[in-house]
Amino acid sequence: MAVVKFDEMKQTVKQAFLNAGLSESQADICAQIHTEASCDGIFSHGLNRVARFVDYVKKGWVDIYAEPEKVKSIGSIEIYDGQRGIGITNALFAVERAMTLASEQGVGIVGLRNTTHWMRGGTYGWKAAEKGYAAICWTNTESCMPAWGAKNPRLGNNPYVMAVPMTEGALVLDMAMSQYAYGKLQVTRLKGEKLPFPGGFDKDGNLTDEPGPIEESMRILPTGYWKGSGMAILLDVMAAFLTAGSPTNEIDKIQQGSCTGASQVFMVFDPKHFGGIEFSKAMAASVAEYVKGSTPAEDQRDVFYPGEMALRNRANFSARGIPADDGVWAEVQKLAKR
């Protein structure tokens, strides 16, 4: 396992993106987001996604020259066509625009259709919370999970994000509708480890904590069994409804990698229009403190609120360097021609 300083990782990723044809600004923004994800401990959507993104660019599945185009405006709601541009820059544009609308009207909703993979969904919750806003964001995806009771994938795992700023830090939930996203399966497999809890079925229908057989069967387990399955279906429908974009069954027809053609929603709330900034931050902090005061279960040492581990990792890895799988790091260095 390599350990890489933040700046070294960012500059290497940036060079890989420049070599792929991205502009200076695009490469810098995307490298920052990928490196931030790894620094927060979300390796699956940080450094580990770099090579796949470069591959999509080279295949023309991501249009690096495209910009979001406004389709419709309805008060505090705006809809954009992402033109299959860079998922990160499209999503950053959308959440920034939603913040502007929220400042003006209390709530800002931006629907983004026909975009590409936004990488770590939590990024957009963190960006809003760091500027004092609360946010709810989600995306649909291509089929990668069976509905509850089914064998073959017909649902996206449709990542869902909620964020509320606190006096210090933020409460940030970033979750797929599967018990473990495919990126987590990959990271666990590369470490030669098992999952903490069963994460899906092997090809014979046996529930397992081995990541490899689940990746092979594509029978990942919905979060909460039938509940996660139902949530995945409705998140997909609502994303397509609010953007007049593609649901999963239409994205499946595109056949251009993960999330190409996806529909995304960014809902942002300005606390000054509700209970006020100080009330909101203090209230959220009190909830986090109350949760932290729980008595740990028999096999646990601590209880964490959503987003706490990301902040711990950020402080630790910023100071000591970011862990990186040797093979993944070598592949990115090769793309950067270093």
Protein backbone atom coordinates (compact mmCIF):
# COMPACT_ATOMS: atom_id res chain seq x y z
CA MET A 1 0.00 0.00 0.00
CA ALA A 2 1.47 3.33 -1.08
CA VAL A 3 1.07 6.50 1.01
CA VAL A 4 0.86 9.67 -1.09
CA LYS A 5 0.78 13.30 -0.01
CA PHE A 6 -2.33 15.24 -1.05
CA ASP A 7 -0.52 17.63 -3.39
CA GLU A 8 1.43 14.83 -5.08
CA MET A 9 -1.72 12.83 -5.67
CA LYS A 10 -3.61 15.84 -6.99
CA GLN A 11 -0.84 16.88 -9.38
CA THR A 12 -0.45 13.32 -10.70
CA VAL A 13 -4.18 12.96 -11.27
CA LYS A 14 -4.30 16.41 -12.86
CA GLN A 15 -1.54 15.48 -15.29
CA ALA A 16 -3.39 12.28 -16.22
CA PHE A 17 -6.46 14.39 -17.00
CA LEU A 18 -4.44 16.94 -18.98
CA ASN A 19 -2.97 14.07 -21.00
CA ALA A 20 -6.53 12.89 -21.69
CA GLY A 21 -7.38 16.28 -23.20
CA LEU A 22 -9.07 18.17 -20.36
CA SER A 23 -8.41 21.90 -20.09
CA GLU A 24 -6.24 23.29 -17.30
CA SER A 25 -9.31 24.37 -15.33
CA GLN A 26 -11.21 21.11 -15.86
CA ALA A 27 -8.19 18.98 -14.93
CA ASP A 28 -7.52 21.02 -11.78
CA ILE A 29 -11.13 20.91 -10.57
CA CYS A 30 -11.56 17.19 -11.28
CA ALA A 31 -8.19 16.27 -9.74
CA GLN A 32 -9.12 18.23 -6.61
CA ILE A 33 -12.43 16.38 -6.25
CA HIS A 34 -10.91 12.93 -6.86
CA THR A 35 -8.12 13.62 -4.36
CA GLU A 36 -10.54 15.02 -1.77
CA ALA A 37 -12.59 11.82 -2.03
CA SER A 38 -9.54 9.64 -1.36
CA CYS A 39 -8.42 11.97 1.45
CA ASP A 40 -11.82 11.47 3.11
CA GLY A 41 -11.33 7.70 2.85
CA ILE A 42 -13.66 7.19 -0.14
CA PHE A 43 -10.94 5.57 -2.27
CA SER A 44 -13.48 3.86 -4.54
CA HIS A 45 -14.62 7.18 -6.02
CA GLY A 46 -11.33 9.01 -5.69
CA LEU A 47 -8.05 7.69 -7.06
CA ASN A 48 -9.64 4.36 -8.01
CA ARG A 49 -11.98 6.05 -10.53
CA VAL A 50 -9.33 8.01 -12.41
CA ALA A 51 -8.40 5.36 -14.98
CA ARG A 52 -12.05 4.59 -15.74
CA PHE A 53 -12.84 8.26 -16.28
CA VAL A 54 -9.88 8.65 -18.64
CA ASP A 55 -11.06 5.59 -20.55
CA TYR A 56 -14.56 7.08 -20.94
CA VAL A 57 -13.08 10.34 -22.21
CA LYS A 58 -10.94 8.52 -24.76
CA LYS A 59 -13.96 6.53 -25.95
CA GLY A 60 -15.99 9.72 -26.35
CA TRP A 61 -18.50 8.69 -23.71
CA VAL A 62 -17.76 11.90 -21.80
CA ASP A 63 -17.80 15.09 -23.89
CA ILE A 64 -15.11 17.30 -22.37
CA TYR A 65 -16.27 20.26 -24.49
CA ALA A 66 -19.91 20.18 -23.36
CA GLU A 67 -21.48 22.66 -20.93
CA PRO A 68 -24.84 22.43 -19.11
CA GLU A 69 -27.67 24.02 -21.11
CA LYS A 70 -30.75 25.45 -19.40
CA VAL A 71 -33.96 23.73 -20.47
CA LYS A 72 -36.54 25.31 -18.16
CA SER A 73 -36.94 27.68 -15.22
CA ILE A 74 -39.92 27.60 -12.83
CA GLY A 75 -39.37 29.99 -9.92
CA SER A 76 -36.86 28.33 -7.61
CA ILE A 77 -36.55 25.29 -9.92
CA GLU A 78 -34.24 25.06 -12.91
CA ILE A 79 -33.64 22.14 -15.28
CA TYR A 80 -30.45 21.68 -17.28
CA ASP A 81 -29.25 19.24 -19.93
CA GLY A 82 -25.74 18.11 -19.02
CA GLN A 83 -24.94 17.26 -22.67
CA ARG A 84 -23.00 14.24 -21.34
CA GLY A 85 -20.26 16.56 -20.21
CA ILE A 86 -17.88 15.94 -17.30
CA GLY A 87 -19.96 14.67 -14.40
CA ILE A 88 -17.99 16.49 -11.70
CA THR A 89 -18.08 19.93 -13.32
CA ASN A 90 -21.74 19.47 -14.28
CA ALA A 91 -22.67 18.56 -10.70
CA LEU A 92 -20.61 21.39 -9.18
CA PHE A 93 -22.37 23.82 -11.51
CA ALA A 94 -25.75 22.41 -10.46
CA VAL A 95 -25.17 22.61 -6.72
CA GLU A 96 -23.70 26.13 -7.00
CA ARG A 97 -26.74 27.22 -9.00
CA ALA A 98 -29.06 25.61 -6.42
CA MET A 99 -27.28 27.55 -3.66
CA THR A 100 -27.83 30.82 -5.54
CA LEU A 101 -31.54 30.05 -5.95
CA ALA A 102 -31.80 29.05 -2.28
CA SER A 103 -30.22 32.34 -1.17
CA GLU A 104 -32.87 34.21 -3.12
CA GLN A 105 -35.93 32.07 -2.38
CA GLY A 106 -35.11 29.81 0.56
CA VAL A 107 -35.08 26.66 -1.56
CA GLY A 108 -33.23 26.03 -4.81
CA ILE A 109 -33.81 22.92 -6.89
CA VAL A 110 -31.71 22.11 -9.94
CA GLY A 111 -32.49 19.09 -12.06
CA LEU A 112 -29.67 17.87 -14.29
CA ARG A 113 -30.41 15.34 -17.00
CA ASN A 114 -28.23 13.59 -19.59
CA THR A 115 -25.09 13.96 -17.51
CA THR A 116 -22.28 11.51 -16.59
CA HIS A 117 -20.86 10.01 -13.38
CA TRP A 118 -20.59 12.61 -10.59
CA MET A 119 -17.99 10.44 -8.77
CA ARG A 120 -18.47 10.75 -4.97
CA GLY A 121 -22.00 11.96 -4.36
CA GLY A 122 -21.08 13.25 -0.90
CA THR A 123 -18.90 15.90 -2.54
CA TYR A 124 -21.96 18.00 -3.35
CA GLY A 125 -23.40 17.69 0.15
CA TRP A 126 -20.07 18.76 1.64
CA LYS A 127 -19.76 21.71 -0.77
CA ALA A 128 -23.20 22.99 0.25
CA ALA A 129 -22.69 22.43 3.98
CA GLU A 130 -19.28 24.12 3.96
CA LYS A 131 -21.03 27.26 2.67
CA GLY A 132 -23.74 27.04 5.32
CA TYR A 133 -26.52 25.39 3.32
CA ALA A 134 -28.43 22.15 3.83
CA ALA A 135 -28.81 19.85 0.83
CA ILE A 136 -30.51 16.74 -0.50
CA CYS A 137 -29.05 15.33 -3.72
CA TRP A 138 -29.36 12.08 -5.61
CA THR A 139 -28.66 10.45 -8.94
CA ASN A 140 -30.00 7.46 -10.80
CA THR A 141 -27.69 4.99 -12.53
CA GLU A 142 -27.71 2.11 -14.98
CA SER A 143 -28.98 -1.25 -13.70
CA CYS A 144 -26.50 -2.77 -11.29
CA MET A 145 -28.74 -4.29 -8.59
CA PRO A 146 -31.61 -6.78 -8.67
CA ALA A 147 -34.98 -5.72 -7.28
CA TRP A 148 -35.81 -7.51 -4.02
CA GLY A 149 -36.79 -11.07 -4.89
CA ALA A 150 -35.16 -10.96 -8.35
CA LYS A 151 -31.96 -12.42 -9.82
CA ASN A 152 -31.03 -10.06 -12.64
CA PRO A 153 -30.15 -6.33 -12.27
CA ARG A 154 -33.02 -3.98 -13.09
CA LEU A 155 -32.33 -1.21 -10.53
CA GLY A 156 -29.64 1.40 -10.11
CA ASN A 157 -28.06 1.66 -6.68
CA ASN A 158 -28.97 5.38 -6.99
CA PRO A 159 -26.71 7.20 -4.46
CA TYR A 160 -28.49 9.56 -2.07
CA VAL A 161 -26.93 12.45 -0.14
CA MET A 162 -28.18 14.62 2.74
CA ALA A 163 -26.10 17.33 4.42
CA VAL A 164 -26.70 19.83 7.24
CA PRO A 165 -23.98 22.19 8.52
CA MET A 166 -23.03 22.18 12.20
CA THR A 167 -21.16 24.66 14.38
CA GLU A 168 -18.07 22.64 13.51
CA GLY A 169 -18.18 20.28 10.52
CA ALA A 170 -21.41 18.87 9.14
CA LEU A 171 -23.78 15.94 9.24
CA VAL A 172 -23.36 14.32 5.81
CA LEU A 173 -25.04 11.09 4.72
CA ASP A 174 -23.71 9.62 1.47
CA MET A 175 -25.19 6.24 0.67
CA ALA A 176 -26.06 4.00 -2.22
CA MET A 177 -29.29 2.02 -2.13
CA SER A 178 -27.19 -1.15 -2.06
CA GLN A 179 -25.67 -2.41 1.18
CA TYR A 180 -22.26 -1.83 -0.41
CA ALA A 181 -21.55 0.05 -3.64
CA TYR A 182 -19.42 -1.70 -6.26
CA GLY A 183 -16.55 0.64 -5.41
CA LYS A 184 -16.57 -0.64 -1.82
CA LEU A 185 -16.54 -4.22 -3.10
CA GLN A 186 -13.51 -3.40 -5.25
CA VAL A 187 -11.62 -1.70 -2.41
CA THR A 188 -12.32 -4.62 -0.06
CA ARG A 189 -11.29 -7.19 -2.68
CA LEU A 190 -8.04 -5.33 -3.44
CA LYS A 191 -7.21 -5.45 0.28
CA GLY A 192 -7.86 -9.20 0.32
CA GLU A 193 -10.53 -8.72 2.98
CA LYS A 194 -14.13 -9.75 3.56
CA LEU A 195 -17.05 -7.36 3.96
CA PRO A 196 -18.09 -6.54 7.57
CA PHE A 197 -21.60 -7.87 6.80
CA PRO A 198 -23.03 -9.90 3.90
CA GLY A 199 -23.28 -7.65 0.84
CA GLY A 200 -24.96 -9.76 -1.81
CA PHE A 201 -25.40 -13.16 -3.39
CA ASP A 202 -23.01 -15.38 -5.32
CA LYS A 203 -24.03 -16.90 -8.68
CA ASP A 204 -25.74 -19.77 -6.86
CA GLY A 205 -27.91 -17.45 -4.76
CA ASN A 206 -25.96 -17.82 -1.51
CA LEU A 207 -25.67 -14.71 0.69
CA THR A 208 -21.95 -13.91 1.10
CA ASP A 209 -19.46 -11.46 2.61
CA GLU A 210 -16.88 -12.23 -0.13
CA PRO A 211 -16.74 -9.23 -2.51
CA GLY A 212 -15.46 -11.08 -5.59
CA PRO A 213 -18.41 -13.47 -6.07
CA ILE A 214 -20.84 -10.56 -5.63
CA GLU A 215 -19.07 -8.51 -8.31
CA GLU A 216 -19.21 -11.54 -10.58
CA SER A 217 -22.93 -12.23 -10.05
CA MET A 218 -23.97 -8.53 -9.94
CA ARG A 219 -26.43 -9.55 -7.24
CA ILE A 220 -25.63 -6.81 -4.71
CA LEU A 221 -27.96 -6.63 -1.73
CA PRO A 222 -30.38 -3.68 -1.46
CA THR A 223 -30.01 -1.69 1.75
CA GLY A 224 -32.71 -2.90 4.13
CA TYR A 225 -33.72 -5.65 1.69
CA TRP A 226 -37.13 -4.71 0.20
CA LYS A 227 -36.95 -1.18 1.67
CA GLY A 228 -33.77 -0.29 -0.21
CA SER A 229 -35.21 -1.86 -3.33
CA GLY A 230 -38.30 0.33 -3.07
CA MET A 231 -36.23 3.45 -2.36
CA ALA A 232 -34.04 2.77 -5.39
CA ILE A 233 -37.07 2.53 -7.66
CA LEU A 234 -38.64 5.76 -6.40
CA LEU A 235 -35.38 7.72 -6.41
CA ASP A 236 -34.97 6.69 -10.04
CA VAL A 237 -38.51 7.75 -10.93
CA MET A 238 -38.26 11.06 -9.06
CA ALA A 239 -34.90 11.90 -10.69
CA ALA A 240 -36.39 11.34 -14.15
CA PHE A 241 -39.64 13.12 -13.18
CA LEU A 242 -37.89 16.27 -11.91
CA THR A 243 -35.54 16.52 -14.89
CA ALA A 244 -37.69 15.13 -17.72
CA GLY A 245 -34.66 12.89 -18.11
CA SER A 246 -33.90 9.20 -18.44
CA PRO A 247 -34.87 6.58 -15.85
CA THR A 248 -32.72 3.48 -15.36
CA ASN A 249 -34.49 1.43 -18.03
CA GLU A 250 -33.57 4.10 -20.62
CA ILE A 251 -30.02 4.57 -19.32
CA ASP A 252 -29.50 0.81 -19.81
CA LYS A 253 -30.00 1.28 -23.55
CA ILE A 254 -27.11 3.76 -23.84
CA GLN A 255 -24.43 1.15 -23.12
CA GLN A 256 -21.66 3.69 -22.53
CA GLY A 257 -20.33 2.82 -19.11
CA SER A 258 -21.40 3.74 -15.61
CA CYS A 259 -23.97 6.55 -15.24
CA THR A 260 -23.74 7.92 -18.79
CA GLY A 261 -27.07 9.66 -19.44
CA ALA A 262 -27.98 9.84 -15.74
CA SER A 263 -30.56 12.16 -14.16
CA GLN A 264 -29.59 14.05 -10.99
CA VAL A 265 -31.38 16.32 -8.52
CA PHE A 266 -29.83 18.98 -6.25
CA MET A 267 -32.13 20.45 -3.57
CA VAL A 268 -30.52 23.16 -1.45
CA PHE A 269 -31.97 25.04 1.55
CA ASP A 270 -30.72 28.35 2.98
CA PRO A 271 -31.13 28.29 6.79
CA LYS A 272 -31.58 32.06 7.02
CA HIS A 273 -35.03 31.58 5.50
CA PHE A 274 -35.95 28.93 8.11
CA GLY A 275 -34.75 28.87 11.74
CA GLY A 276 -31.67 30.96 11.07
CA ILE A 277 -28.03 30.00 10.56
CA GLU A 278 -27.03 29.85 14.22
CA PHE A 279 -30.11 27.85 15.25
CA SER A 280 -29.60 25.36 12.40
CA LYS A 281 -25.92 24.76 13.13
CA ALA A 282 -26.44 24.47 16.88
CA MET A 283 -29.44 22.17 16.46
CA ALA A 284 -27.51 19.83 14.14
CA ALA A 285 -24.53 19.85 16.51
CA SER A 286 -26.83 18.92 19.41
CA VAL A 287 -28.14 15.94 17.43
CA ALA A 288 -24.58 14.77 16.67
CA GLU A 289 -23.61 15.17 20.34
CA TYR A 290 -26.70 13.26 21.48
CA VAL A 291 -25.87 10.39 19.10
CA LYS A 292 -22.23 10.41 20.25
CA GLY A 293 -23.45 10.03 23.83
CA SER A 294 -24.93 6.61 23.03
CA THR A 295 -23.69 3.56 24.91
CA PRO A 296 -21.61 1.54 22.39
CA ALA A 297 -22.83 -1.98 21.61
CA GLU A 298 -20.90 -4.98 22.95
CA ASP A 299 -18.51 -5.22 20.00
CA GLN A 300 -18.12 -1.48 19.38
CA ARG A 301 -15.76 1.13 20.87
CA ASP A 302 -17.49 4.24 19.55
CA VAL A 303 -20.66 5.50 17.88
CA PHE A 304 -20.32 7.79 14.85
CA TYR A 305 -22.63 10.33 13.25
CA PRO A 306 -22.82 10.54 9.43
CA GLY A 307 -19.78 12.34 8.06
CA GLU A 308 -17.64 11.98 11.19
CA MET A 309 -15.33 9.32 9.77
CA ALA A 310 -14.76 11.43 6.65
CA LEU A 311 -13.60 14.34 8.81
CA ARG A 312 -11.32 12.05 10.84
CA ASN A 313 -9.81 10.58 7.69
CA ARG A 314 -9.38 14.05 6.19
CA ALA A 315 -7.37 15.27 9.17
CA ASN A 316 -5.31 12.07 9.39
CA PHE A 317 -4.55 11.63 5.68
CA SER A 318 -3.88 15.35 5.13
CA ALA A 319 -1.15 15.16 7.74
CA ARG A 320 0.30 11.70 7.06
CA GLY A 321 -0.50 11.02 3.42
CA ILE A 322 -3.33 9.24 1.63
CA PRO A 323 -3.29 5.42 1.37
CA ALA A 324 -3.40 4.16 -2.21
CA ASP A 325 -3.49 0.66 -3.62
CA ASP A 326 -0.12 0.02 -5.28
CA GLY A 327 -1.64 -1.20 -8.54
CA VAL A 328 -4.11 1.67 -8.78
CA TRP A 329 -1.42 4.27 -8.01
CA ALA A 330 0.92 2.77 -10.61
CA GLU A 331 -1.87 2.87 -13.21
CA VAL A 332 -2.57 6.56 -12.54
CA GLN A 333 1.15 7.39 -12.63
CA LYS A 334 1.33 5.68 -16.03
CA LEU A 335 -1.59 7.78 -17.28
CA ALA A 336 0.26 10.86 -16.03
CA LYS A 337 3.44 9.57 -17.74
CA ARG A 338 5.37 9.78 -14.49
